[in-house]
Each structure stands twice: as C-alpha cells, then as structure tokens.
C-alpha cells in the first residue's frame, strides 16, 4: 500500500469532502454574486485578478502536478513490460487529449455558426420577401457578404449573437476540462492517508477555490435570456460537486484499491496524462488566449494589466 494509507481516517476523509465542496462552491459563486450584491460588485477588480491567478493555477496543475504524476506513475518499475518500452506515453496521451478537446470545440463552434447564419437567412427572407438562398448552398466566402448586402445591421447582430455562443461554448469546455481532472484528484485524495492527506487536502482546497473563481468569473460574464442566476448557480454547483464525487468514489473503492498493482498504476497514469492535456488546452485556449486578447483587457489601465500578469505568474507557484 502507498505511504499513509495505513493511517487512513474515514471521519477525516468525510470532513474533507465537505471542506472542498464548500470552498469550491464559494470560489465559483463569488463572481456571480458580484452581479447581484452591491458590496461584492465593488470587488469586480478583485475577481478579475483572481481569474488570472486561477488561470495560472490551472496551467501549473497541468504541467507540474498532473503531467508530473503521469510521468512518475507510468515510469514505475511495476509497469516494466506493460508499455512496450515506449517512454513518451504521458506526453502522447496528453497531446491526444488536447487535440480531442480542440476538435470537439471546433466542431461544436462550427455547428453554432452555421445555425446562426441559417437563422439569419430565414429571418431576412421572411422580413423582405426576397428569395434568399440557404446558407448551406452559398460558398463560404459569399455568405457574409450576401447577408450584409440584405441587412448589414442584422448581420452585425447575428455575429454578436454568434460571439456570445462562442464565449459560452468556450466557458463550458473550460468547465468540462476542470471537472474531469477534479474527479481524478478527488479519487487520489480519498485513497491517501496520514499526514500526506492533510497536506494534499490543503493544496487541493486552495486550488479548487481559485479554479472556481476563474470559472465563476467567466460564467458571470455570460448572457442568459432566462433565469441567469439559477443557471450560474447550476454551473457553480456542477463544478463544486466534481472533486467530492471523486472523493466519494475513492472512499468506496479504497478497500479493494492496490496502489502498486500494475492495473491501478496504468489507470491512474493514463488518467493523469489525459487530464494534463485537457487542462493545458483549457488554460491556454480558453483562458490565457481569450482573456489577454479581450477588448476589456486592452482597455484596462497599465497598472491593472501588470497586476493581472503578476497574478497569473503567481498562480504558477
């Protein structure tokens, strides 16, 4: 058994479930509550800085924690002969996960774009009585110009609508990436005992709070037509439940869990590597690239931009 498992404490483990549940939910809900509570609304800049700090935490988790754990686990001597002598499985699996996330986001984004353009074409046709060809029948280069030639203002509204859908998709992909890795982290925490558990609990609680703040800030910036607070709270709840779900799974399987068994090492190593790729894509594509390229960021003062960069770098520590 792994070090510390013999000192495993069920009551302490159950307490850890609720600690992480509460901290995750609070971290994700604080930016959302800032839209509805006056004194929290005055802390908007704090939430923005927390978002960039959370981006650094997620990126560091990908490279340092998940990838490091995958390399260590899949390189264990107990797996000699299981992996065909190929030493780069962690990097390969992470790359596969990253490319899969990119393909999924591109495919879903493409469907959203075509749906919005089709709806625009139908709206223009019904509004003017003109015979407008279906968007699917138009060459890609002709589609925007055709739409703009009928009604430029309407086309701009359509593209604004598409941009909102793109932001929503990006946020949900980010949430999916964080959720998948959080379940794995929860399982790892649940099968850890002794002083190692307390150290890991403190680290994970810290990470979950700021990952939640990064996600909550993104969710709070989205526009929802109906029940926005309820939808935001639902997103926060899903995020908050993922690590506790992993903990519950870990507690349930602890009796039959053999950390040094080849099958256990292989499963944990593969999941760690896949999580590293998912988190890397989520942090870079959905947080760093989008947030630093955002119009609001470039409109901020130089001091605020420096603070955001410093917060992100601090998250790496």
C-alpha atoms as a PDB file:
ATOM      1  CA  UNK A   1       0.000   0.000   0.000  1.00  0.00           C
ATOM      2  CA  UNK A   2       1.048   3.590  -0.558  1.00  0.00           C
ATOM      3  CA  UNK A   3       2.576   5.551   2.264  1.00  0.00           C
ATOM      4  CA  UNK A   4      -0.033   6.869   4.593  1.00  0.00           C
ATOM      5  CA  UNK A   5      -2.850   4.545   3.504  1.00  0.00           C
ATOM      6  CA  UNK A   6      -2.485   2.503   6.708  1.00  0.00           C
ATOM      7  CA  UNK A   7      -3.317   5.699   8.675  1.00  0.00           C
ATOM      8  CA  UNK A   8      -6.447   6.323   6.640  1.00  0.00           C
ATOM      9  CA  UNK A   9      -9.194   8.062   8.682  1.00  0.00           C
ATOM     10  CA  UNK A  10     -12.783   7.780   7.426  1.00  0.00           C
ATOM     11  CA  UNK A  11     -14.127  10.684   9.506  1.00  0.00           C
ATOM     12  CA  UNK A  12     -11.324  12.965   8.318  1.00  0.00           C
ATOM     13  CA  UNK A  13     -11.973  11.906   4.728  1.00  0.00           C
ATOM     14  CA  UNK A  14     -15.689  12.687   5.014  1.00  0.00           C
ATOM     15  CA  UNK A  15     -14.851  16.056   6.550  1.00  0.00           C
ATOM     16  CA  UNK A  16     -12.547  16.713   3.592  1.00  0.00           C
ATOM     17  CA  UNK A  17     -15.444  16.097   1.199  1.00  0.00           C
ATOM     18  CA  UNK A  18     -17.467  18.910   2.763  1.00  0.00           C
ATOM     19  CA  UNK A  19     -14.485  21.269   3.074  1.00  0.00           C
ATOM     20  CA  UNK A  20     -13.721  21.039  -0.639  1.00  0.00           C
ATOM     21  CA  UNK A  21     -17.414  21.175  -1.565  1.00  0.00           C
ATOM     22  CA  UNK A  22     -17.925  24.451   0.310  1.00  0.00           C
ATOM     23  CA  UNK A  23     -14.688  26.122  -0.840  1.00  0.00           C
ATOM     24  CA  UNK A  24     -15.280  25.142  -4.475  1.00  0.00           C
ATOM     25  CA  UNK A  25     -18.834  26.473  -4.426  1.00  0.00           C
ATOM     26  CA  UNK A  26     -17.859  29.724  -2.691  1.00  0.00           C
ATOM     27  CA  UNK A  27     -14.997  30.319  -5.130  1.00  0.00           C
ATOM     28  CA  UNK A  28     -17.260  29.814  -8.150  1.00  0.00           C
ATOM     29  CA  UNK A  29     -20.187  31.808  -6.747  1.00  0.00           C
ATOM     30  CA  UNK A  30     -18.347  34.911  -5.515  1.00  0.00           C
ATOM     31  CA  UNK A  31     -18.002  36.471  -9.002  1.00  0.00           C
ATOM     32  CA  UNK A  32     -21.625  35.582  -9.768  1.00  0.00           C
ATOM     33  CA  UNK A  33     -22.849  37.188  -6.546  1.00  0.00           C
ATOM     34  CA  UNK A  34     -20.893  40.292  -7.532  1.00  0.00           C
ATOM     35  CA  UNK A  35     -23.602  40.942 -10.133  1.00  0.00           C
ATOM     36  CA  UNK A  36     -26.364  40.903  -7.522  1.00  0.00           C
ATOM     37  CA  UNK A  37     -24.810  42.131  -4.248  1.00  0.00           C
ATOM     38  CA  UNK A  38     -23.698  45.765  -4.185  1.00  0.00           C
ATOM     39  CA  UNK A  39     -20.659  45.465  -1.924  1.00  0.00           C
ATOM     40  CA  UNK A  40     -19.413  42.430  -3.837  1.00  0.00           C
ATOM     41  CA  UNK A  41     -19.925  44.316  -7.085  1.00  0.00           C
ATOM     42  CA  UNK A  42     -17.342  46.823  -5.871  1.00  0.00           C
ATOM     43  CA  UNK A  43     -14.826  43.960  -5.763  1.00  0.00           C
ATOM     44  CA  UNK A  44     -15.016  43.334  -9.503  1.00  0.00           C
ATOM     45  CA  UNK A  45     -11.300  44.006  -9.971  1.00  0.00           C
ATOM     46  CA  UNK A  46     -10.501  41.509  -7.233  1.00  0.00           C
ATOM     47  CA  UNK A  47     -12.464  38.847  -9.111  1.00  0.00           C
ATOM     48  CA  UNK A  48     -10.684  39.702 -12.369  1.00  0.00           C
ATOM     49  CA  UNK A  49      -7.291  39.368 -10.673  1.00  0.00           C
ATOM     50  CA  UNK A  50      -8.491  36.120  -9.093  1.00  0.00           C
ATOM     51  CA  UNK A  51      -9.451  34.861 -12.542  1.00  0.00           C
ATOM     52  CA  UNK A  52      -5.922  35.385 -13.868  1.00  0.00           C
ATOM     53  CA  UNK A  53      -4.458  33.831 -10.724  1.00  0.00           C
ATOM     54  CA  UNK A  54      -6.767  30.854 -11.289  1.00  0.00           C
ATOM     55  CA  UNK A  55      -5.552  30.585 -14.889  1.00  0.00           C
ATOM     56  CA  UNK A  56      -2.001  30.284 -13.581  1.00  0.00           C
ATOM     57  CA  UNK A  57      -3.102  27.659 -11.069  1.00  0.00           C
ATOM     58  CA  UNK A  58      -4.796  25.591 -13.790  1.00  0.00           C
ATOM     59  CA  UNK A  59      -1.759  25.789 -16.080  1.00  0.00           C
ATOM     60  CA  UNK A  60       0.590  24.837 -13.237  1.00  0.00           C
ATOM     61  CA  UNK A  61      -1.704  21.952 -12.295  1.00  0.00           C
ATOM     62  CA  UNK A  62      -1.484  20.675 -15.867  1.00  0.00           C
ATOM     63  CA  UNK A  63       2.297  20.826 -16.234  1.00  0.00           C
ATOM     64  CA  UNK A  64       3.602  20.309 -12.711  1.00  0.00           C
ATOM     65  CA  UNK A  65       1.036  18.147 -10.926  1.00  0.00           C
ATOM     66  CA  UNK A  66      -0.863  16.073 -13.496  1.00  0.00           C
ATOM     67  CA  UNK A  67       1.914  15.602 -16.068  1.00  0.00           C
ATOM     68  CA  UNK A  68       4.495  15.059 -13.339  1.00  0.00           C
ATOM     69  CA  UNK A  69       2.283  12.438 -11.702  1.00  0.00           C
ATOM     70  CA  UNK A  70       1.669  10.732 -15.062  1.00  0.00           C
ATOM     71  CA  UNK A  71       5.402  10.528 -15.833  1.00  0.00           C
ATOM     72  CA  UNK A  72       6.156   9.134 -12.381  1.00  0.00           C
ATOM     73  CA  UNK A  73       3.301   6.617 -12.416  1.00  0.00           C
ATOM     74  CA  UNK A  74       3.753   5.312 -15.969  1.00  0.00           C
ATOM     75  CA  UNK A  75       7.513   5.131 -15.395  1.00  0.00           C
ATOM     76  CA  UNK A  76       7.102   2.931 -12.322  1.00  0.00           C
ATOM     77  CA  UNK A  77       9.143  -0.273 -12.318  1.00  0.00           C
ATOM     78  CA  UNK A  78       5.941  -2.270 -11.729  1.00  0.00           C
ATOM     79  CA  UNK A  79       4.899  -1.413 -15.295  1.00  0.00           C
ATOM     80  CA  UNK A  80       8.057  -2.772 -16.921  1.00  0.00           C
ATOM     81  CA  UNK A  81       6.936  -4.786 -19.934  1.00  0.00           C
ATOM     82  CA  UNK A  82       3.429  -3.281 -19.954  1.00  0.00           C
ATOM     83  CA  UNK A  83       4.121  -0.265 -22.178  1.00  0.00           C
ATOM     84  CA  UNK A  84       6.333  -1.798 -24.849  1.00  0.00           C
ATOM     85  CA  UNK A  85       9.414   0.130 -23.806  1.00  0.00           C
ATOM     86  CA  UNK A  86       7.943   3.410 -25.104  1.00  0.00           C
ATOM     87  CA  UNK A  87       8.819   6.156 -22.608  1.00  0.00           C
ATOM     88  CA  UNK A  88       6.775   9.039 -24.025  1.00  0.00           C
ATOM     89  CA  UNK A  89       3.289   7.721 -23.275  1.00  0.00           C
ATOM     90  CA  UNK A  90       2.441  10.607 -20.877  1.00  0.00           C
ATOM     91  CA  UNK A  91       3.248  13.267 -23.489  1.00  0.00           C
ATOM     92  CA  UNK A  92       1.475  11.320 -26.249  1.00  0.00           C
ATOM     93  CA  UNK A  93      -1.689  10.824 -24.187  1.00  0.00           C
ATOM     94  CA  UNK A  94      -1.707  14.489 -23.148  1.00  0.00           C
ATOM     95  CA  UNK A  95      -1.370  15.533 -26.791  1.00  0.00           C
ATOM     96  CA  UNK A  96      -4.233  13.231 -27.818  1.00  0.00           C
ATOM     97  CA  UNK A  97      -6.468  14.733 -25.112  1.00  0.00           C
ATOM     98  CA  UNK A  98      -5.515  18.281 -26.128  1.00  0.00           C
ATOM     99  CA  UNK A  99      -6.270  17.638 -29.813  1.00  0.00           C
ATOM    100  CA  UNK A 100      -9.540  15.907 -28.918  1.00  0.00           C
ATOM    101  CA  UNK A 101     -10.649  18.959 -26.917  1.00  0.00           C
ATOM    102  CA  UNK A 102      -9.712  21.241 -29.812  1.00  0.00           C
ATOM    103  CA  UNK A 103     -11.618  19.104 -32.326  1.00  0.00           C
ATOM    104  CA  UNK A 104     -14.687  18.981 -30.078  1.00  0.00           C
ATOM    105  CA  UNK A 105     -14.709  22.755 -29.560  1.00  0.00           C
ATOM    106  CA  UNK A 106     -14.170  23.423 -33.280  1.00  0.00           C
ATOM    107  CA  UNK A 107     -16.948  21.028 -34.314  1.00  0.00           C
ATOM    108  CA  UNK A 108     -19.441  22.484 -31.852  1.00  0.00           C
ATOM    109  CA  UNK A 109     -18.434  26.039 -32.754  1.00  0.00           C
ATOM    110  CA  UNK A 110     -18.913  25.287 -36.452  1.00  0.00           C
ATOM    111  CA  UNK A 111     -22.412  23.991 -35.814  1.00  0.00           C
ATOM    112  CA  UNK A 112     -23.286  27.099 -33.815  1.00  0.00           C
ATOM    113  CA  UNK A 113     -22.010  29.366 -36.601  1.00  0.00           C
ATOM    114  CA  UNK A 114     -23.942  27.569 -39.347  1.00  0.00           C
ATOM    115  CA  UNK A 115     -27.094  27.516 -37.228  1.00  0.00           C
ATOM    116  CA  UNK A 116     -26.875  31.256 -36.581  1.00  0.00           C
ATOM    117  CA  UNK A 117     -26.266  32.063 -40.258  1.00  0.00           C
ATOM    118  CA  UNK A 118     -29.149  29.822 -41.331  1.00  0.00           C
ATOM    119  CA  UNK A 119     -31.468  31.539 -38.853  1.00  0.00           C
ATOM    120  CA  UNK A 120     -30.326  34.911 -40.194  1.00  0.00           C
ATOM    121  CA  UNK A 121     -31.040  33.892 -43.782  1.00  0.00           C
ATOM    122  CA  UNK A 122     -34.534  32.688 -42.874  1.00  0.00           C
ATOM    123  CA  UNK A 123     -35.234  35.885 -40.924  1.00  0.00           C
ATOM    124  CA  UNK A 124     -34.081  38.059 -43.829  1.00  0.00           C
ATOM    125  CA  UNK A 125     -36.191  36.120 -46.300  1.00  0.00           C
ATOM    126  CA  UNK A 126     -39.351  36.346 -44.180  1.00  0.00           C
ATOM    127  CA  UNK A 127     -38.742  40.021 -43.468  1.00  0.00           C
ATOM    128  CA  UNK A 128     -38.214  41.170 -47.055  1.00  0.00           C
ATOM    129  CA  UNK A 129     -39.997  38.531 -49.040  1.00  0.00           C
ATOM    130  CA  UNK A 130     -36.871  38.060 -51.116  1.00  0.00           C
ATOM    131  CA  UNK A 131     -35.656  34.716 -52.290  1.00  0.00           C
ATOM    132  CA  UNK A 132     -32.513  34.235 -50.241  1.00  0.00           C
ATOM    133  CA  UNK A 133     -30.572  31.052 -50.851  1.00  0.00           C
ATOM    134  CA  UNK A 134     -29.942  28.731 -47.947  1.00  0.00           C
ATOM    135  CA  UNK A 135     -26.650  29.398 -46.202  1.00  0.00           C
ATOM    136  CA  UNK A 136     -25.550  25.815 -46.752  1.00  0.00           C
ATOM    137  CA  UNK A 137     -25.884  26.379 -50.532  1.00  0.00           C
ATOM    138  CA  UNK A 138     -23.733  29.510 -50.529  1.00  0.00           C
ATOM    139  CA  UNK A 139     -19.968  29.417 -50.947  1.00  0.00           C
ATOM    140  CA  UNK A 140     -18.258  30.207 -47.656  1.00  0.00           C
ATOM    141  CA  UNK A 141     -16.744  33.446 -48.987  1.00  0.00           C
ATOM    142  CA  UNK A 142     -20.114  34.661 -50.230  1.00  0.00           C
ATOM    143  CA  UNK A 143     -22.144  34.035 -47.110  1.00  0.00           C
ATOM    144  CA  UNK A 144     -21.188  37.094 -45.020  1.00  0.00           C
ATOM    145  CA  UNK A 145     -21.339  39.495 -47.969  1.00  0.00           C
ATOM    146  CA  UNK A 146     -24.743  38.189 -49.069  1.00  0.00           C
ATOM    147  CA  UNK A 147     -26.153  38.603 -45.615  1.00  0.00           C
ATOM    148  CA  UNK A 148     -24.654  42.049 -45.195  1.00  0.00           C
ATOM    149  CA  UNK A 149     -25.996  43.153 -48.560  1.00  0.00           C
ATOM    150  CA  UNK A 150     -29.550  42.408 -47.417  1.00  0.00           C
ATOM    151  CA  UNK A 151     -29.338  43.969 -43.988  1.00  0.00           C
ATOM    152  CA  UNK A 152     -25.965  44.988 -42.541  1.00  0.00           C
ATOM    153  CA  UNK A 153     -27.286  45.856 -39.097  1.00  0.00           C
ATOM    154  CA  UNK A 154     -28.994  42.491 -38.830  1.00  0.00           C
ATOM    155  CA  UNK A 155     -25.797  40.723 -39.875  1.00  0.00           C
ATOM    156  CA  UNK A 156     -23.846  42.524 -37.170  1.00  0.00           C
ATOM    157  CA  UNK A 157     -26.444  41.402 -34.636  1.00  0.00           C
ATOM    158  CA  UNK A 158     -26.069  37.823 -35.865  1.00  0.00           C
ATOM    159  CA  UNK A 159     -22.307  37.905 -35.473  1.00  0.00           C
ATOM    160  CA  UNK A 160     -22.699  39.384 -31.999  1.00  0.00           C
ATOM    161  CA  UNK A 161     -25.047  36.515 -31.177  1.00  0.00           C
ATOM    162  CA  UNK A 162     -22.503  34.037 -32.560  1.00  0.00           C
ATOM    163  CA  UNK A 163     -19.767  35.617 -30.442  1.00  0.00           C
ATOM    164  CA  UNK A 164     -21.878  35.154 -27.308  1.00  0.00           C
ATOM    165  CA  UNK A 165     -22.426  31.499 -28.214  1.00  0.00           C
ATOM    166  CA  UNK A 166     -18.689  31.087 -28.799  1.00  0.00           C
ATOM    167  CA  UNK A 167     -17.914  32.526 -25.353  1.00  0.00           C
ATOM    168  CA  UNK A 168     -20.486  30.226 -23.801  1.00  0.00           C
ATOM    169  CA  UNK A 169     -19.027  27.203 -25.577  1.00  0.00           C
ATOM    170  CA  UNK A 170     -15.508  28.174 -24.509  1.00  0.00           C
ATOM    171  CA  UNK A 171     -16.643  28.506 -20.893  1.00  0.00           C
ATOM    172  CA  UNK A 172     -18.364  25.124 -20.908  1.00  0.00           C
ATOM    173  CA  UNK A 173     -15.292  23.468 -22.446  1.00  0.00           C
ATOM    174  CA  UNK A 174     -13.230  25.046 -19.668  1.00  0.00           C
ATOM    175  CA  UNK A 175     -15.670  23.708 -17.073  1.00  0.00           C
ATOM    176  CA  UNK A 176     -15.550  20.242 -18.636  1.00  0.00           C
ATOM    177  CA  UNK A 177     -11.761  20.187 -18.536  1.00  0.00           C
ATOM    178  CA  UNK A 178     -11.633  21.274 -14.903  1.00  0.00           C
ATOM    179  CA  UNK A 179     -14.379  18.809 -13.936  1.00  0.00           C
ATOM    180  CA  UNK A 180     -12.662  15.788 -15.490  1.00  0.00           C
ATOM    181  CA  UNK A 181      -9.383  16.444 -13.717  1.00  0.00           C
ATOM    182  CA  UNK A 182     -11.168  17.272 -10.440  1.00  0.00           C
ATOM    183  CA  UNK A 183     -12.758  13.822 -10.293  1.00  0.00           C
ATOM    184  CA  UNK A 184      -9.341  12.194 -10.655  1.00  0.00           C
ATOM    185  CA  UNK A 185      -7.880  14.474  -7.989  1.00  0.00           C
ATOM    186  CA  UNK A 186     -10.758  13.553  -5.677  1.00  0.00           C
ATOM    187  CA  UNK A 187     -10.077   9.831  -6.080  1.00  0.00           C
ATOM    188  CA  UNK A 188      -6.376  10.380  -5.365  1.00  0.00           C
ATOM    189  CA  UNK A 189      -7.175  12.374  -2.226  1.00  0.00           C
ATOM    190  CA  UNK A 190      -9.619   9.750  -0.949  1.00  0.00           C
ATOM    191  CA  UNK A 191      -7.093   6.897  -1.070  1.00  0.00           C
ATOM    192  CA  UNK A 192      -4.394   8.967   0.671  1.00  0.00           C
ATOM    193  CA  UNK A 193      -3.945   8.773   4.434  1.00  0.00           C
ATOM    194  CA  UNK A 194      -1.807  10.100   7.258  1.00  0.00           C
ATOM    195  CA  UNK A 195      -0.058  13.470   7.135  1.00  0.00           C
ATOM    196  CA  UNK A 196       0.052  13.255   3.336  1.00  0.00           C
ATOM    197  CA  UNK A 197      -3.738  13.548   3.298  1.00  0.00           C
ATOM    198  CA  UNK A 198      -3.734  16.783   5.316  1.00  0.00           C
ATOM    199  CA  UNK A 199      -1.093  18.352   3.081  1.00  0.00           C
ATOM    200  CA  UNK A 200      -2.910  17.276  -0.074  1.00  0.00           C
ATOM    201  CA  UNK A 201      -6.264  18.462   1.290  1.00  0.00           C
ATOM    202  CA  UNK A 202      -4.867  21.948   1.960  1.00  0.00           C
ATOM    203  CA  UNK A 203      -3.318  22.158  -1.524  1.00  0.00           C
ATOM    204  CA  UNK A 204      -6.434  20.909  -3.317  1.00  0.00           C
ATOM    205  CA  UNK A 205      -8.719  23.221  -1.323  1.00  0.00           C
ATOM    206  CA  UNK A 206      -6.567  26.197  -2.340  1.00  0.00           C
ATOM    207  CA  UNK A 207      -6.547  25.116  -5.980  1.00  0.00           C
ATOM    208  CA  UNK A 208     -10.282  24.436  -6.088  1.00  0.00           C
ATOM    209  CA  UNK A 209     -11.131  27.860  -4.673  1.00  0.00           C
ATOM    210  CA  UNK A 210      -9.155  29.766  -7.293  1.00  0.00           C
ATOM    211  CA  UNK A 211     -10.079  27.439 -10.154  1.00  0.00           C
ATOM    212  CA  UNK A 212     -13.675  28.094  -9.126  1.00  0.00           C
ATOM    213  CA  UNK A 213     -13.069  31.843  -9.157  1.00  0.00           C
ATOM    214  CA  UNK A 214     -11.592  31.647 -12.674  1.00  0.00           C
ATOM    215  CA  UNK A 215     -14.572  29.640 -13.892  1.00  0.00           C
ATOM    216  CA  UNK A 216     -17.132  31.720 -11.974  1.00  0.00           C
ATOM    217  CA  UNK A 217     -15.812  34.966 -13.461  1.00  0.00           C
ATOM    218  CA  UNK A 218     -16.232  33.522 -16.954  1.00  0.00           C
ATOM    219  CA  UNK A 219     -19.745  32.251 -16.208  1.00  0.00           C
ATOM    220  CA  UNK A 220     -20.779  35.576 -14.643  1.00  0.00           C
ATOM    221  CA  UNK A 221     -19.768  37.383 -17.851  1.00  0.00           C
ATOM    222  CA  UNK A 222     -22.167  35.301 -19.977  1.00  0.00           C
ATOM    223  CA  UNK A 223     -25.635  36.497 -21.002  1.00  0.00           C
ATOM    224  CA  UNK A 224     -28.654  34.262 -20.380  1.00  0.00           C
ATOM    225  CA  UNK A 225     -32.174  35.077 -21.536  1.00  0.00           C
ATOM    226  CA  UNK A 226     -33.968  33.371 -18.652  1.00  0.00           C
ATOM    227  CA  UNK A 227     -33.094  32.736 -15.006  1.00  0.00           C
ATOM    228  CA  UNK A 228     -29.441  33.837 -15.267  1.00  0.00           C
ATOM    229  CA  UNK A 229     -28.761  33.487 -11.540  1.00  0.00           C
ATOM    230  CA  UNK A 230     -30.146  29.944 -11.464  1.00  0.00           C
ATOM    231  CA  UNK A 231     -28.039  28.914 -14.466  1.00  0.00           C
ATOM    232  CA  UNK A 232     -24.900  30.439 -12.940  1.00  0.00           C
ATOM    233  CA  UNK A 233     -25.591  28.678  -9.642  1.00  0.00           C
ATOM    234  CA  UNK A 234     -26.093  25.393 -11.502  1.00  0.00           C
ATOM    235  CA  UNK A 235     -22.699  25.783 -13.185  1.00  0.00           C
ATOM    236  CA  UNK A 236     -21.073  26.553  -9.833  1.00  0.00           C
ATOM    237  CA  UNK A 237     -22.765  23.516  -8.272  1.00  0.00           C
ATOM    238  CA  UNK A 238     -21.561  21.178 -11.031  1.00  0.00           C
ATOM    239  CA  UNK A 239     -18.003  22.410 -10.560  1.00  0.00           C
ATOM    240  CA  UNK A 240     -18.233  22.179  -6.758  1.00  0.00           C
ATOM    241  CA  UNK A 241     -19.505  18.586  -6.865  1.00  0.00           C
ATOM    242  CA  UNK A 242     -16.808  17.116  -9.127  1.00  0.00           C
ATOM    243  CA  UNK A 243     -13.944  16.722  -6.640  1.00  0.00           C
ATOM    244  CA  UNK A 244     -16.271  15.490  -3.839  1.00  0.00           C
ATOM    245  CA  UNK A 245     -17.669  12.982  -6.344  1.00  0.00           C
ATOM    246  CA  UNK A 246     -14.155  11.689  -6.934  1.00  0.00           C
ATOM    247  CA  UNK A 247     -13.603  11.546  -3.169  1.00  0.00           C
ATOM    248  CA  UNK A 248     -16.768   9.500  -2.671  1.00  0.00           C
ATOM    249  CA  UNK A 249     -15.656   7.096  -5.421  1.00  0.00           C
ATOM    250  CA  UNK A 250     -12.229   6.804  -3.804  1.00  0.00           C
ATOM    251  CA  UNK A 251     -13.702   6.134  -0.359  1.00  0.00           C
ATOM    252  CA  UNK A 252     -15.970   3.454  -1.835  1.00  0.00           C
ATOM    253  CA  UNK A 253     -13.179   1.573  -3.638  1.00  0.00           C
ATOM    254  CA  UNK A 254     -10.436   2.080  -1.040  1.00  0.00           C
ATOM    255  CA  UNK A 255     -10.729  -1.415   0.420  1.00  0.00           C
ATOM    256  CA  UNK A 256     -10.047  -3.033  -2.957  1.00  0.00           C
ATOM    257  CA  UNK A 257      -7.603  -0.389  -4.169  1.00  0.00           C
ATOM    258  CA  UNK A 258      -3.999  -1.576  -4.539  1.00  0.00           C
ATOM    259  CA  UNK A 259      -1.913   1.469  -5.499  1.00  0.00           C
ATOM    260  CA  UNK A 260       1.119  -0.606  -6.531  1.00  0.00           C
ATOM    261  CA  UNK A 261      -0.827  -3.029  -8.718  1.00  0.00           C
ATOM    262  CA  UNK A 262       0.057  -2.631 -12.430  1.00  0.00           C
ATOM    263  CA  UNK A 263      -3.594  -2.146 -13.383  1.00  0.00           C
ATOM    264  CA  UNK A 264      -4.008   0.651 -10.803  1.00  0.00           C
ATOM    265  CA  UNK A 265      -0.781   2.357 -11.854  1.00  0.00           C
ATOM    266  CA  UNK A 266      -1.748   2.128 -15.515  1.00  0.00           C
ATOM    267  CA  UNK A 267      -5.240   3.521 -14.927  1.00  0.00           C
ATOM    268  CA  UNK A 268      -4.058   6.425 -12.763  1.00  0.00           C
ATOM    269  CA  UNK A 269      -1.155   7.237 -15.087  1.00  0.00           C
ATOM    270  CA  UNK A 270      -3.351   7.324 -18.184  1.00  0.00           C
ATOM    271  CA  UNK A 271      -5.995   9.445 -16.449  1.00  0.00           C
ATOM    272  CA  UNK A 272      -3.343  11.861 -15.131  1.00  0.00           C
ATOM    273  CA  UNK A 273      -1.847  12.263 -18.613  1.00  0.00           C
ATOM    274  CA  UNK A 274      -5.241  12.822 -20.244  1.00  0.00           C
ATOM    275  CA  UNK A 275      -6.135  15.333 -17.538  1.00  0.00           C
ATOM    276  CA  UNK A 276      -2.874  17.190 -18.159  1.00  0.00           C
ATOM    277  CA  UNK A 277      -3.744  17.593 -21.836  1.00  0.00           C
ATOM    278  CA  UNK A 278      -7.309  18.673 -21.107  1.00  0.00           C
ATOM    279  CA  UNK A 279      -6.210  21.241 -18.524  1.00  0.00           C
ATOM    280  CA  UNK A 280      -3.428  22.543 -20.764  1.00  0.00           C
ATOM    281  CA  UNK A 281      -5.911  23.200 -23.568  1.00  0.00           C
ATOM    282  CA  UNK A 282      -8.438  24.717 -21.177  1.00  0.00           C
ATOM    283  CA  UNK A 283      -5.881  27.040 -19.581  1.00  0.00           C
ATOM    284  CA  UNK A 284      -4.205  28.217 -22.790  1.00  0.00           C
ATOM    285  CA  UNK A 285      -7.072  28.279 -25.306  1.00  0.00           C
ATOM    286  CA  UNK A 286     -10.000  29.144 -23.041  1.00  0.00           C
ATOM    287  CA  UNK A 287      -8.313  31.414 -20.504  1.00  0.00           C
ATOM    288  CA  UNK A 288      -4.912  32.832 -21.472  1.00  0.00           C
ATOM    289  CA  UNK A 289      -5.554  33.444 -25.177  1.00  0.00           C
ATOM    290  CA  UNK A 290      -9.122  34.703 -24.784  1.00  0.00           C
ATOM    291  CA  UNK A 291      -8.648  36.816 -21.676  1.00  0.00           C
ATOM    292  CA  UNK A 292      -5.425  38.529 -22.747  1.00  0.00           C
ATOM    293  CA  UNK A 293      -6.845  39.201 -26.217  1.00  0.00           C
ATOM    294  CA  UNK A 294     -10.147  40.564 -24.893  1.00  0.00           C
ATOM    295  CA  UNK A 295     -11.058  44.171 -25.677  1.00  0.00           C
ATOM    296  CA  UNK A 296     -11.747  44.849 -21.984  1.00  0.00           C
ATOM    297  CA  UNK A 297      -8.224  43.765 -21.026  1.00  0.00           C
ATOM    298  CA  UNK A 298      -6.600  46.104 -23.546  1.00  0.00           C
ATOM    299  CA  UNK A 299      -8.847  48.948 -22.377  1.00  0.00           C
ATOM    300  CA  UNK A 300      -7.724  48.463 -18.768  1.00  0.00           C
ATOM    301  CA  UNK A 301      -5.063  50.688 -17.238  1.00  0.00           C
ATOM    302  CA  UNK A 302      -1.411  49.728 -17.483  1.00  0.00           C
ATOM    303  CA  UNK A 303      -1.309  49.129 -13.742  1.00  0.00           C
ATOM    304  CA  UNK A 304      -4.259  46.733 -13.924  1.00  0.00           C
ATOM    305  CA  UNK A 305      -2.682  44.798 -16.802  1.00  0.00           C
ATOM    306  CA  UNK A 306       0.571  44.435 -14.855  1.00  0.00           C
ATOM    307  CA  UNK A 307      -1.358  43.183 -11.815  1.00  0.00           C
ATOM    308  CA  UNK A 308      -3.160  40.593 -13.987  1.00  0.00           C
ATOM    309  CA  UNK A 309       0.123  39.326 -15.427  1.00  0.00           C
ATOM    310  CA  UNK A 310       1.639  39.181 -11.939  1.00  0.00           C
ATOM    311  CA  UNK A 311      -1.403  37.283 -10.641  1.00  0.00           C
ATOM    312  CA  UNK A 312      -1.112  34.722 -13.430  1.00  0.00           C
ATOM    313  CA  UNK A 313       2.602  34.203 -12.776  1.00  0.00           C
ATOM    314  CA  UNK A 314       1.908  33.899  -9.042  1.00  0.00           C
ATOM    315  CA  UNK A 315      -0.577  31.130  -9.832  1.00  0.00           C
ATOM    316  CA  UNK A 316       2.286  29.063 -11.248  1.00  0.00           C
ATOM    317  CA  UNK A 317       3.929  28.876  -7.819  1.00  0.00           C
END
